[in-house]
C-alpha atoms as a PDB file:
ATOM      1  CA  MET A   1     171.907  60.908  57.724  1.00  0.00           C
ATOM      2  CA  THR A   2     168.590  61.737  56.222  1.00  0.00           C
ATOM      3  CA  ARG A   3     168.890  60.857  52.211  1.00  0.00           C
ATOM      4  CA  VAL A   4     166.417  62.104  49.545  1.00  0.00           C
ATOM      5  CA  THR A   5     167.333  60.447  46.642  1.00  0.00           C
ATOM      6  CA  SER A   6     164.457  61.307  44.443  1.00  0.00           C
ATOM      7  CA  VAL A   7     163.681  64.600  44.919  1.00  0.00           C
ATOM      8  CA  ALA A   8     165.184  65.989  41.125  1.00  0.00           C
ATOM      9  CA  LEU A   9     163.889  62.709  39.504  1.00  0.00           C
ATOM     10  CA  ALA A  10     160.159  63.494  40.634  1.00  0.00           C
ATOM     11  CA  ALA A  11     159.733  66.344  39.300  1.00  0.00           C
ATOM     12  CA  LEU A  12     160.417  64.861  35.768  1.00  0.00           C
ATOM     13  CA  LEU A  13     158.231  62.018  36.615  1.00  0.00           C
ATOM     14  CA  THR A  14     155.694  64.209  37.501  1.00  0.00           C
ATOM     15  CA  LEU A  15     156.243  65.812  34.176  1.00  0.00           C
ATOM     16  CA  ALA A  16     156.613  62.678  32.170  1.00  0.00           C
ATOM     17  CA  ALA A  17     153.251  61.177  34.121  1.00  0.00           C
ATOM     18  CA  THR A  18     151.025  64.380  32.068  1.00  0.00           C
ATOM     19  CA  SER A  19     152.593  63.948  29.022  1.00  0.00           C
ATOM     20  CA  THR A  20     152.521  61.990  25.531  1.00  0.00           C
ATOM     21  CA  LEU A  21     154.677  60.677  23.301  1.00  0.00           C
ATOM     22  CA  ALA A  22     154.539  62.277  20.157  1.00  0.00           C
ATOM     23  CA  ALA A  23     152.524  61.600  17.261  1.00  0.00           C
ATOM     24  CA  PRO A  24     154.247  58.600  14.661  1.00  0.00           C
ATOM     25  CA  VAL A  25     155.615  60.622  12.170  1.00  0.00           C
ATOM     26  CA  GLN A  26     153.454  59.581   8.376  1.00  0.00           C
ATOM     27  CA  LYS A  27     155.389  57.509   6.691  1.00  0.00           C
ATOM     28  CA  SER A  28     155.942  56.900   2.954  1.00  0.00           C
ATOM     29  CA  ALA A  29     154.391  53.891   0.908  1.00  0.00           C
ATOM     30  CA  THR A  30     157.878  52.224   0.437  1.00  0.00           C
ATOM     31  CA  THR A  31     158.321  48.929   0.835  1.00  0.00           C
ATOM     32  CA  ALA A  32     160.409  48.411   4.164  1.00  0.00           C
ATOM     33  CA  PRO A  33     164.034  46.681   3.522  1.00  0.00           C
ATOM     34  CA  ALA A  34     164.660  43.295   4.393  1.00  0.00           C
ATOM     35  CA  ALA A  35     165.652  41.746   8.025  1.00  0.00           C
ATOM     36  CA  PRO A  36     170.001  40.843   7.454  1.00  0.00           C
ATOM     37  CA  ALA A  37     170.385  37.121   7.865  1.00  0.00           C
ATOM     38  CA  PRO A  38     170.559  35.299  11.078  1.00  0.00           C
ATOM     39  CA  PRO A  39     173.960  36.403  12.529  1.00  0.00           C
ATOM     40  CA  ALA A  40     176.911  34.146  12.253  1.00  0.00           C
ATOM     41  CA  THR A  41     178.594  32.960  15.073  1.00  0.00           C
ATOM     42  CA  SER A  42     180.903  35.398  14.525  1.00  0.00           C
ATOM     43  CA  ASP A  43     178.557  38.261  15.070  1.00  0.00           C
ATOM     44  CA  TRP A  44     178.020  37.810  18.767  1.00  0.00           C
ATOM     45  CA  ARG A  45     179.847  38.818  21.724  1.00  0.00           C
ATOM     46  CA  THR A  46     180.409  37.218  25.709  1.00  0.00           C
ATOM     47  CA  PRO A  47     179.973  39.887  27.925  1.00  0.00           C
ATOM     48  CA  ASP A  48     182.553  39.835  31.117  1.00  0.00           C
ATOM     49  CA  PRO A  49     180.173  38.110  33.715  1.00  0.00           C
ATOM     50  CA  GLN A  50     181.537  40.644  36.182  1.00  0.00           C
ATOM     51  CA  ASP A  51     179.314  43.269  34.184  1.00  0.00           C
ATOM     52  CA  ILE A  52     176.208  41.223  33.882  1.00  0.00           C
ATOM     53  CA  LEU A  53     173.472  42.315  37.277  1.00  0.00           C
ATOM     54  CA  VAL A  54     171.107  39.617  37.096  1.00  0.00           C
ATOM     55  CA  ILE A  55     167.362  40.630  38.637  1.00  0.00           C
ATOM     56  CA  ASP A  56     165.594  38.084  39.549  1.00  0.00           C
ATOM     57  CA  THR A  57     161.894  39.554  40.079  1.00  0.00           C
ATOM     58  CA  ASN A  58     158.208  38.538  40.829  1.00  0.00           C
ATOM     59  CA  LYS A  59     157.709  39.284  36.973  1.00  0.00           C
ATOM     60  CA  GLY A  60     160.432  37.236  36.057  1.00  0.00           C
ATOM     61  CA  ARG A  61     164.232  37.859  35.365  1.00  0.00           C
ATOM     62  CA  ILE A  62     165.970  40.779  34.097  1.00  0.00           C
ATOM     63  CA  LEU A  63     169.535  40.994  32.606  1.00  0.00           C
ATOM     64  CA  VAL A  64     171.348  44.699  33.017  1.00  0.00           C
ATOM     65  CA  GLU A  65     174.606  44.850  31.370  1.00  0.00           C
ATOM     66  CA  LEU A  66     177.011  47.304  33.259  1.00  0.00           C
ATOM     67  CA  VAL A  67     179.251  49.572  31.416  1.00  0.00           C
ATOM     68  CA  PRO A  68     182.398  50.915  33.091  1.00  0.00           C
ATOM     69  CA  LEU A  69     183.752  52.702  30.376  1.00  0.00           C
ATOM     70  CA  VAL A  70     180.747  54.996  30.799  1.00  0.00           C
ATOM     71  CA  ALA A  71     180.019  55.400  34.642  1.00  0.00           C
ATOM     72  CA  PRO A  72     183.340  53.530  36.616  1.00  0.00           C
ATOM     73  CA  SER A  73     182.640  54.594  40.580  1.00  0.00           C
ATOM     74  CA  HIS A  74     178.632  53.690  39.542  1.00  0.00           C
ATOM     75  CA  VAL A  75     179.472  50.224  38.316  1.00  0.00           C
ATOM     76  CA  THR A  76     181.613  49.373  41.140  1.00  0.00           C
ATOM     77  CA  ARG A  77     178.745  50.928  43.478  1.00  0.00           C
ATOM     78  CA  VAL A  78     175.997  48.918  42.263  1.00  0.00           C
ATOM     79  CA  ARG A  79     178.210  45.573  41.874  1.00  0.00           C
ATOM     80  CA  GLU A  80     179.005  46.412  45.476  1.00  0.00           C
ATOM     81  CA  LEU A  81     175.224  46.508  46.869  1.00  0.00           C
ATOM     82  CA  ALA A  82     174.158  43.652  44.941  1.00  0.00           C
ATOM     83  CA  ARG A  83     177.045  41.355  46.440  1.00  0.00           C
ATOM     84  CA  LYS A  84     176.474  43.180  49.783  1.00  0.00           C
ATOM     85  CA  GLY A  85     172.636  41.731  49.119  1.00  0.00           C
ATOM     86  CA  LEU A  86     171.403  45.336  49.279  1.00  0.00           C
ATOM     87  CA  TYR A  87     169.016  44.812  46.483  1.00  0.00           C
ATOM     88  CA  ASN A  88     167.588  41.152  47.794  1.00  0.00           C
ATOM     89  CA  GLY A  89     163.408  41.918  48.394  1.00  0.00           C
ATOM     90  CA  ARG A  90     163.769  45.625  47.415  1.00  0.00           C
ATOM     91  CA  SER A  91     160.451  46.819  45.837  1.00  0.00           C
ATOM     92  CA  PHE A  92     159.507  49.237  42.356  1.00  0.00           C
ATOM     93  CA  PHE A  93     158.221  51.643  44.533  1.00  0.00           C
ATOM     94  CA  ARG A  94     157.796  54.678  41.892  1.00  0.00           C
ATOM     95  CA  VAL A  95     156.970  53.299  38.176  1.00  0.00           C
ATOM     96  CA  ILE A  96     155.857  55.439  35.575  1.00  0.00           C
ATOM     97  CA  ASP A  97     154.422  54.484  32.027  1.00  0.00           C
ATOM     98  CA  GLN A  98     155.724  55.302  29.464  1.00  0.00           C
ATOM     99  CA  PHE A  99     158.960  56.393  31.213  1.00  0.00           C
ATOM    100  CA  MET A 100     160.605  54.336  33.808  1.00  0.00           C
ATOM    101  CA  ALA A 101     160.732  52.174  37.521  1.00  0.00           C
ATOM    102  CA  GLN A 102     162.480  53.144  39.974  1.00  0.00           C
ATOM    103  CA  THR A 103     163.854  50.669  43.029  1.00  0.00           C
ATOM    104  CA  GLY A 104     167.560  50.344  45.028  1.00  0.00           C
ATOM    105  CA  ASP A 105     166.053  52.063  48.606  1.00  0.00           C
ATOM    106  CA  PRO A 106     166.257  50.270  51.463  1.00  0.00           C
ATOM    107  CA  GLN A 107     163.181  52.272  52.762  1.00  0.00           C
ATOM    108  CA  ASP A 108     161.384  51.653  49.834  1.00  0.00           C
ATOM    109  CA  ASN A 109     160.288  55.210  49.398  1.00  0.00           C
ATOM    110  CA  GLY A 110     162.764  57.179  47.710  1.00  0.00           C
ATOM    111  CA  MET A 111     164.027  58.424  50.956  1.00  0.00           C
ATOM    112  CA  GLY A 112     167.120  55.844  51.963  1.00  0.00           C
ATOM    113  CA  GLY A 113     170.423  54.878  50.780  1.00  0.00           C
ATOM    114  CA  SER A 114     173.230  52.901  51.845  1.00  0.00           C
ATOM    115  CA  ASP A 115     175.500  53.422  54.513  1.00  0.00           C
ATOM    116  CA  LEU A 116     178.171  54.063  51.691  1.00  0.00           C
ATOM    117  CA  PRO A 117     179.299  57.607  50.920  1.00  0.00           C
ATOM    118  CA  ASP A 118     177.133  59.487  47.971  1.00  0.00           C
ATOM    119  CA  LEU A 119     178.591  59.146  44.231  1.00  0.00           C
ATOM    120  CA  THR A 120     179.998  61.929  42.123  1.00  0.00           C
ATOM    121  CA  ALA A 121     178.134  62.285  39.019  1.00  0.00           C
ATOM    122  CA  GLU A 122     179.475  60.808  36.054  1.00  0.00           C
ATOM    123  CA  PHE A 123     176.892  62.573  33.609  1.00  0.00           C
ATOM    124  CA  THR A 124     179.031  62.644  30.941  1.00  0.00           C
ATOM    125  CA  PHE A 125     182.642  60.428  30.187  1.00  0.00           C
ATOM    126  CA  ARG A 126     185.454  61.110  27.858  1.00  0.00           C
ATOM    127  CA  ARG A 127     185.921  59.399  24.643  1.00  0.00           C
ATOM    128  CA  GLY A 128     189.632  58.372  22.986  1.00  0.00           C
ATOM    129  CA  ALA A 129     190.610  56.874  19.694  1.00  0.00           C
ATOM    130  CA  ASP A 130     190.758  53.872  21.683  1.00  0.00           C
ATOM    131  CA  THR A 131     187.198  53.844  23.059  1.00  0.00           C
ATOM    132  CA  PRO A 132     185.313  51.144  21.611  1.00  0.00           C
ATOM    133  CA  PHE A 133     182.696  53.521  19.756  1.00  0.00           C
ATOM    134  CA  VAL A 134     180.485  52.299  17.148  1.00  0.00           C
ATOM    135  CA  GLN A 135     179.102  55.028  15.237  1.00  0.00           C
ATOM    136  CA  VAL A 136     175.473  55.306  13.741  1.00  0.00           C
ATOM    137  CA  ALA A 137     174.690  58.623  13.074  1.00  0.00           C
ATOM    138  CA  ASP A 138     177.254  61.449  12.524  1.00  0.00           C
ATOM    139  CA  GLN A 139     175.582  65.011  12.986  1.00  0.00           C
ATOM    140  CA  ALA A 140     178.745  67.281  12.154  1.00  0.00           C
ATOM    141  CA  VAL A 141     178.866  68.400  15.721  1.00  0.00           C
ATOM    142  CA  ALA A 142     178.170  65.382  17.071  1.00  0.00           C
ATOM    143  CA  GLU A 143     178.219  61.727  16.378  1.00  0.00           C
ATOM    144  CA  ILE A 144     176.111  59.266  17.673  1.00  0.00           C
ATOM    145  CA  GLY A 145     176.956  55.220  18.246  1.00  0.00           C
ATOM    146  CA  PHE A 146     177.227  52.397  21.251  1.00  0.00           C
ATOM    147  CA  VAL A 147     179.480  51.643  23.562  1.00  0.00           C
ATOM    148  CA  GLY A 148     178.842  47.760  24.315  1.00  0.00           C
ATOM    149  CA  PRO A 149     174.655  47.882  24.149  1.00  0.00           C
ATOM    150  CA  LEU A 150     174.773  51.626  25.872  1.00  0.00           C
ATOM    151  CA  PRO A 151     173.507  54.041  23.235  1.00  0.00           C
ATOM    152  CA  VAL A 152     175.583  57.405  23.693  1.00  0.00           C
ATOM    153  CA  MET A 153     175.984  60.888  21.970  1.00  0.00           C
ATOM    154  CA  THR A 154     179.413  62.060  21.925  1.00  0.00           C
ATOM    155  CA  GLN A 155     181.512  65.247  20.217  1.00  0.00           C
ATOM    156  CA  SER A 156     182.915  65.348  16.787  1.00  0.00           C
ATOM    157  CA  SER A 157     185.758  63.279  16.288  1.00  0.00           C
ATOM    158  CA  GLN A 158     187.604  65.935  14.566  1.00  0.00           C
ATOM    159  CA  LEU A 159     187.845  67.899  18.190  1.00  0.00           C
ATOM    160  CA  MET A 160     189.882  64.937  19.215  1.00  0.00           C
ATOM    161  CA  PRO A 161     193.308  66.484  18.128  1.00  0.00           C
ATOM    162  CA  MET A 162     192.323  70.089  19.676  1.00  0.00           C
ATOM    163  CA  THR A 163     191.877  68.951  23.227  1.00  0.00           C
ATOM    164  CA  ALA A 164     194.266  68.726  25.847  1.00  0.00           C
ATOM    165  CA  ASP A 165     194.141  64.908  26.876  1.00  0.00           C
ATOM    166  CA  GLY A 166     192.956  63.604  22.969  1.00  0.00           C
ATOM    167  CA  ARG A 167     189.834  62.767  23.974  1.00  0.00           C
ATOM    168  CA  ILE A 168     185.920  64.077  23.734  1.00  0.00           C
ATOM    169  CA  SER A 169     183.111  64.468  25.636  1.00  0.00           C
ATOM    170  CA  GLY A 170     180.443  61.856  25.474  1.00  0.00           C
ATOM    171  CA  TRP A 171     176.951  60.887  27.164  1.00  0.00           C
ATOM    172  CA  ALA A 172     174.319  58.299  27.339  1.00  0.00           C
ATOM    173  CA  LEU A 173     170.767  58.593  25.509  1.00  0.00           C
ATOM    174  CA  TYR A 174     168.175  57.393  27.646  1.00  0.00           C
ATOM    175  CA  CYS A 175     166.531  54.776  25.470  1.00  0.00           C
ATOM    176  CA  PRO A 176     164.240  52.028  26.624  1.00  0.00           C
ATOM    177  CA  GLY A 177     166.479  49.569  28.887  1.00  0.00           C
ATOM    178  CA  VAL A 178     168.911  52.234  29.841  1.00  0.00           C
ATOM    179  CA  ALA A 179     169.594  51.898  33.847  1.00  0.00           C
ATOM    180  CA  GLY A 180     170.619  55.293  35.431  1.00  0.00           C
ATOM    181  CA  MET A 181     171.064  56.215  38.963  1.00  0.00           C
ATOM    182  CA  ALA A 182     168.625  58.110  41.024  1.00  0.00           C
ATOM    183  CA  ARG A 183     169.803  61.417  42.974  1.00  0.00           C
ATOM    184  CA  GLY A 184     168.566  64.113  44.638  1.00  0.00           C
ATOM    185  CA  GLU A 185     168.911  68.152  43.639  1.00  0.00           C
ATOM    186  CA  SER A 186     172.374  67.827  44.272  1.00  0.00           C
ATOM    187  CA  PRO A 187     174.428  66.066  40.670  1.00  0.00           C
ATOM    188  CA  ASP A 188     176.595  64.054  43.263  1.00  0.00           C
ATOM    189  CA  SER A 189     173.725  62.796  45.537  1.00  0.00           C
ATOM    190  CA  ALA A 190     173.463  58.775  43.575  1.00  0.00           C
ATOM    191  CA  ASN A 191     173.905  56.566  46.538  1.00  0.00           C
ATOM    192  CA  SER A 192     171.870  52.965  45.709  1.00  0.00           C
ATOM    193  CA  GLN A 193     168.493  54.281  44.046  1.00  0.00           C
ATOM    194  CA  PHE A 194     168.337  53.185  40.475  1.00  0.00           C
ATOM    195  CA  PHE A 195     165.714  53.344  37.454  1.00  0.00           C
ATOM    196  CA  LEU A 196     165.406  50.984  34.413  1.00  0.00           C
ATOM    197  CA  MET A 197     163.770  52.567  31.550  1.00  0.00           C
ATOM    198  CA  ARG A 198     160.531  51.793  30.267  1.00  0.00           C
ATOM    199  CA  GLN A 199     160.778  53.890  27.496  1.00  0.00           C
ATOM    200  CA  ALA A 200     163.265  56.864  25.992  1.00  0.00           C
ATOM    201  CA  TYR A 201     163.117  60.321  27.595  1.00  0.00           C
ATOM    202  CA  PRO A 202     165.836  62.733  26.321  1.00  0.00           C
ATOM    203  CA  SER A 203     165.420  64.933  29.516  1.00  0.00           C
ATOM    204  CA  LEU A 204     167.593  62.821  31.484  1.00  0.00           C
ATOM    205  CA  GLU A 205     170.400  63.164  29.535  1.00  0.00           C
ATOM    206  CA  LYS A 206     173.719  64.780  31.351  1.00  0.00           C
ATOM    207  CA  ARG A 207     171.380  65.143  34.491  1.00  0.00           C
ATOM    208  CA  TYR A 208     171.818  61.706  35.451  1.00  0.00           C
ATOM    209  CA  THR A 209     174.084  58.806  35.319  1.00  0.00           C
ATOM    210  CA  ALA A 210     173.546  56.062  33.341  1.00  0.00           C
ATOM    211  CA  PHE A 211     175.607  52.652  34.066  1.00  0.00           C
ATOM    212  CA  GLY A 212     174.556  49.983  31.839  1.00  0.00           C
ATOM    213  CA  ARG A 213     171.102  48.678  29.617  1.00  0.00           C
ATOM    214  CA  VAL A 214     168.861  45.768  30.075  1.00  0.00           C
ATOM    215  CA  ILE A 215     169.983  43.105  27.198  1.00  0.00           C
ATOM    216  CA  SER A 216     167.512  40.724  28.329  1.00  0.00           C
ATOM    217  CA  GLY A 217     163.983  41.460  30.175  1.00  0.00           C
ATOM    218  CA  LEU A 218     162.514  44.569  28.733  1.00  0.00           C
ATOM    219  CA  GLU A 219     159.107  43.355  28.675  1.00  0.00           C
ATOM    220  CA  VAL A 220     159.291  42.173  32.097  1.00  0.00           C
ATOM    221  CA  VAL A 221     160.337  46.038  33.491  1.00  0.00           C
ATOM    222  CA  ARG A 222     157.444  46.840  31.578  1.00  0.00           C
ATOM    223  CA  ALA A 223     155.237  44.694  33.562  1.00  0.00           C
ATOM    224  CA  ILE A 224     156.319  46.132  36.532  1.00  0.00           C
ATOM    225  CA  LYS A 225     153.240  47.618  38.366  1.00  0.00           C
ATOM    226  CA  ALA A 226     153.174  51.455  37.652  1.00  0.00           C
ATOM    227  CA  GLY A 227     152.027  54.040  40.301  1.00  0.00           C
ATOM    228  CA  GLU A 228     153.765  56.939  42.065  1.00  0.00           C
ATOM    229  CA  PRO A 229     154.067  55.547  44.654  1.00  0.00           C
ATOM    230  CA  VAL A 230     152.971  52.270  43.761  1.00  0.00           C
ATOM    231  CA  VAL A 231     149.810  51.181  46.162  1.00  0.00           C
ATOM    232  CA  ALA A 232     150.768  47.783  47.680  1.00  0.00           C
ATOM    233  CA  PRO A 233     151.335  45.073  47.059  1.00  0.00           C
ATOM    234  CA  GLN A 234     154.858  46.171  44.943  1.00  0.00           C
ATOM    235  CA  ASP A 235     156.585  44.075  42.496  1.00  0.00           C
ATOM    236  CA  LEU A 236     160.207  43.481  43.946  1.00  0.00           C
ATOM    237  CA  MET A 237     163.689  42.684  43.237  1.00  0.00           C
ATOM    238  CA  THR A 238     163.634  39.497  44.774  1.00  0.00           C
ATOM    239  CA  ARG A 239     167.376  38.694  44.129  1.00  0.00           C
ATOM    240  CA  VAL A 240     170.011  40.657  42.528  1.00  0.00           C
ATOM    241  CA  GLN A 241     172.923  38.929  41.546  1.00  0.00           C
ATOM    242  CA  VAL A 242     176.696  39.722  39.628  1.00  0.00           C
ATOM    243  CA  LEU A 243     176.814  36.814  36.748  1.00  0.00           C
ATOM    244  CA  ALA A 244     180.356  36.373  37.515  1.00  0.00           C
ATOM    245  CA  ASP A 245     179.177  35.238  41.789  1.00  0.00           C
ATOM    246  CA  MET A 246     176.584  32.669  40.141  1.00  0.00           C
ATOM    247  CA  PRO A 247     177.665  28.878  40.474  1.00  0.00           C
ATOM    248  CA  ALA A 248     178.292  27.515  37.293  1.00  0.00           C
ATOM    249  CA  SER A 249     175.248  24.672  37.744  1.00  0.00           C
ATOM    250  CA  SER A 250     172.755  27.958  38.037  1.00  0.00           C
ATOM    251  CA  ARG A 251     174.514  30.956  35.787  1.00  0.00           C
ATOM    252  CA  PRO A 252     173.070  31.688  32.647  1.00  0.00           C
ATOM    253  CA  LYS A 253     174.870  31.702  29.156  1.00  0.00           C
ATOM    254  CA  VAL A 254     174.626  34.686  28.016  1.00  0.00           C
ATOM    255  CA  ARG A 255     175.081  35.836  24.270  1.00  0.00           C
ATOM    256  CA  VAL A 256     174.958  39.797  23.166  1.00  0.00           C
ATOM    257  CA  ILE A 257     174.864  41.067  19.070  1.00  0.00           C
ATOM    258  CA  ASP A 258     178.658  42.811  18.911  1.00  0.00           C
ATOM    259  CA  PRO A 259     178.012  46.331  17.500  1.00  0.00           C
ATOM    260  CA  ARG A 260     181.336  46.011  15.514  1.00  0.00           C
ATOM    261  CA  SER A 261     179.584  43.088  13.943  1.00  0.00           C
ATOM    262  CA  PRO A 262     178.566  42.539   9.909  1.00  0.00           C
ATOM    263  CA  TRP A 263     175.043  41.529  11.340  1.00  0.00           C
ATOM    264  CA  PHE A 264     174.849  44.397  13.459  1.00  0.00           C
ATOM    265  CA  THR A 265     175.699  47.613  10.185  1.00  0.00           C
ATOM    266  CA  ALA A 266     173.494  45.693   8.251  1.00  0.00           C
ATOM    267  CA  GLU A 267     170.668  46.005  10.905  1.00  0.00           C
ATOM    268  CA  VAL A 268     171.419  49.952  11.435  1.00  0.00           C
ATOM    269  CA  ALA A 269     171.341  49.919   8.014  1.00  0.00           C
ATOM    270  CA  ARG A 270     168.058  48.464   7.500  1.00  0.00           C
ATOM    271  CA  VAL A 271     166.478  50.607  10.502  1.00  0.00           C
ATOM    272  CA  ARG A 272     167.872  53.844   8.742  1.00  0.00           C
ATOM    273  CA  ALA A 273     166.418  53.039   5.730  1.00  0.00           C
ATOM    274  CA  SER A 274     163.031  52.064   7.403  1.00  0.00           C
ATOM    275  CA  ARG A 275     162.442  55.126   9.213  1.00  0.00           C
ATOM    276  CA  GLY A 276     164.346  57.798   7.376  1.00  0.00           C
ATOM    277  CA  ALA A 277     163.916  60.815   9.094  1.00  0.00           C
ATOM    278  CA  ASP A 278     162.450  59.102  12.575  1.00  0.00           C
ATOM    279  CA  PHE A 279     165.947  57.300  12.593  1.00  0.00           C
ATOM    280  CA  THR A 280     167.222  57.094  16.432  1.00  0.00           C
ATOM    281  CA  ALA A 281     169.871  54.938  18.267  1.00  0.00           C
ATOM    282  CA  CYS A 282     166.814  53.767  20.145  1.00  0.00           C
ATOM    283  CA  ALA A 283     164.932  52.309  17.093  1.00  0.00           C
ATOM    284  CA  ILE A 284     168.207  49.643  16.776  1.00  0.00           C
ATOM    285  CA  ASN A 285     167.232  46.582  18.349  1.00  0.00           C
ATOM    286  CA  ILE A 286     170.487  44.551  20.010  1.00  0.00           C
ATOM    287  CA  PRO A 287     169.360  40.962  20.227  1.00  0.00           C
ATOM    288  CA  SER A 288     170.618  38.891  23.020  1.00  0.00           C
ATOM    289  CA  GLU A 289     170.437  35.309  23.856  1.00  0.00           C
ATOM    290  CA  VAL A 290     170.317  33.588  26.868  1.00  0.00           C
ATOM    291  CA  LYS A 291     170.539  29.977  27.880  1.00  0.00           C
END
C-alpha cells in the first residue's frame, strides 16, 4: 500500500518557509522579576520510564516524554515502532528552520510508513476533573495549562457539569519541543513519521496529533541540518529506545520539574510579570535533569 504521509504537512511547511516570526513587542523599561530560588527536591518528578523516548542522533541525544493521556494510540505506536527498531538509522529528511524537523519514514523521503495500519486522529482529548491539568492562564472561554510537560488549551472547566461525560475538549499547543505525528490529506493517515518542533507554530493545533514533548535536547533538534528536502548527508536518528528497555548500567536518570510544584508556580508568575501581554505557555521553561 502506497503511503503519502506528508502531503498536508508539506503545505504547511511551504507556508512556514516563506513566513517570518512576528516582531517582538516593545517592552517597557521595568525591572524583570527575580528568578525563583533553585528547585527543592520536592519540586521534581521522575517520569515513567515507559514514557521516555531516548533518541540518539549524530548531533546528540534527545529525550521526548510521551503523554498517553493526550494521545494514547499514537504513544502506543511510537513505543512499538521504537521497540521494533524501525526508527534506528532514519534520517531527518525534511527540516525547516523556525519550524520543525521531520523523521520516522523507512523510505527517508516522506512517502513511507510501517506495515501497521494507519492511526485514527487524536487531535483533541477529553479533560475531566481527574486529569492532571495545571492551569497557567484563564481566558474565560478557554483555559491554558500543562498536562505533564505538554502545553495544552481546553474549554472552560465550567462546562464540565454540562457535558454528558463530565469532560471538556482539550488540545496540545505546538510550542518548541512538541512532538507531533505527520500525516497525509486524511486526518486518519498518521503511521510512523513524526516531527519535533524547533519553534512555536499554532497553525498545527487541532490538525496534527501531538503525543509528547522534548524534555532534554531541544538544542539538538535546532542543530539538525535544514532543507526541504535535506541535501545529503542528512542527519540521522542513530538509535531510538524506550527508557524502560535500556540496561540499568546505561540508562540515564531523568527528572523533570513538576508543574504542580511551588517552584513552577513561582516561575509562571515570573514569566507572566516579565512578558506582560506577550505571555504564552510557550514562554514557560520546564527544567529537566539528566545524569
